Amino acid sequence: MASDERRRFRREALARIGPDRIIGTADLFIRAIRAGLLTVEEADADRRILESRRCMMKFDSFREALAGFQEEST
């Protein structure tokens, strides 16, 4: 199940399954890139569409996000 709800749904999900099993939109894209399901360019094009619909991410490209993700994982 996926949802972009940040209030009630998120509180309920945290209570039922815990924070380690919840991922955000950017994390989902990063996993798809790592699995070879999307290229960085495709993900960046999707990110631009999402941002035009008020889903803001804290980076300019998934290339940056992947570098940060790898650093956090080590």
Protein backbone atom coordinates (compact mmCIF):
# COMPACT_ATOMS: atom_id res chain seq x y z
CA MET A 1 0.00 0.00 0.00
CA ALA A 2 1.22 3.46 -0.79
CA SER A 3 0.01 6.88 0.23
CA ASP A 4 1.30 10.42 0.21
CA GLU A 5 -0.77 11.26 3.28
CA ARG A 6 1.38 12.68 6.05
CA ARG A 7 -1.07 12.83 8.91
CA ARG A 8 -3.49 10.18 10.01
CA PHE A 9 -2.42 7.50 7.54
CA ARG A 10 1.26 7.92 8.44
CA ARG A 11 0.57 7.80 12.18
CA GLU A 12 -1.45 4.62 11.73
CA ALA A 13 1.21 3.02 9.50
CA LEU A 14 3.95 3.88 12.01
CA ALA A 15 1.91 2.33 14.82
CA ARG A 16 1.14 -0.84 12.86
CA ILE A 17 4.34 -1.60 10.96
CA GLY A 18 7.01 0.71 12.40
CA PRO A 19 9.27 3.32 10.79
CA ASP A 20 11.72 0.84 9.22
CA ARG A 21 9.09 -0.41 6.78
CA ILE A 22 7.92 2.96 5.49
CA ILE A 23 9.66 4.49 2.49
CA GLY A 24 9.12 7.80 0.75
CA THR A 25 8.66 8.63 -2.91
CA ALA A 26 12.35 9.38 -3.48
CA ASP A 27 13.37 6.11 -1.81
CA LEU A 28 11.00 4.21 -4.07
CA PHE A 29 12.57 5.80 -7.15
CA ILE A 30 16.08 5.07 -5.85
CA ARG A 31 15.18 1.41 -5.37
CA ALA A 32 13.75 1.27 -8.92
CA ILE A 33 16.95 2.80 -10.34
CA ARG A 34 19.14 0.37 -8.41
CA ALA A 35 17.00 -2.55 -9.62
CA GLY A 36 17.46 -1.42 -13.22
CA LEU A 37 13.78 -0.60 -13.67
CA LEU A 38 14.39 3.12 -14.32
CA THR A 39 17.32 5.18 -15.50
CA VAL A 40 18.37 8.30 -13.63
CA GLU A 41 17.17 10.34 -16.59
CA GLU A 42 13.72 8.72 -16.51
CA ALA A 43 13.48 9.24 -12.75
CA ASP A 44 14.51 12.89 -13.13
CA ALA A 45 11.81 13.41 -15.76
CA ASP A 46 9.26 11.89 -13.37
CA ARG A 47 10.61 14.07 -10.54
CA ARG A 48 9.98 17.19 -12.61
CA ILE A 49 6.39 16.10 -13.21
CA LEU A 50 5.88 15.37 -9.51
CA GLU A 51 7.35 18.74 -8.55
CA SER A 52 4.97 20.49 -10.95
CA ARG A 53 2.23 18.88 -8.84
CA ARG A 54 3.70 20.06 -5.51
CA CYS A 55 5.67 16.94 -4.59
CA MET A 56 9.00 18.61 -3.82
CA MET A 57 12.23 16.70 -3.32
CA LYS A 58 15.36 17.99 -1.59
CA PHE A 59 17.72 17.39 -4.52
CA ASP A 60 18.05 18.46 -8.15
CA SER A 61 18.74 15.03 -9.63
CA PHE A 62 18.43 11.42 -8.57
CA ARG A 63 22.14 11.20 -9.37
CA GLU A 64 22.72 13.33 -6.24
CA ALA A 65 20.25 11.30 -4.23
CA LEU A 66 21.95 8.03 -5.22
CA ALA A 67 25.33 9.38 -4.08
CA GLY A 68 23.85 10.42 -0.74
CA PHE A 69 22.00 7.10 -0.40
CA GLN A 70 25.24 5.16 -0.94
CA GLU A 71 27.07 7.25 1.65
CA GLU A 72 24.34 6.63 4.24
CA SER A 73 24.38 2.88 3.54
CA THR A 74 28.09 2.43 4.26
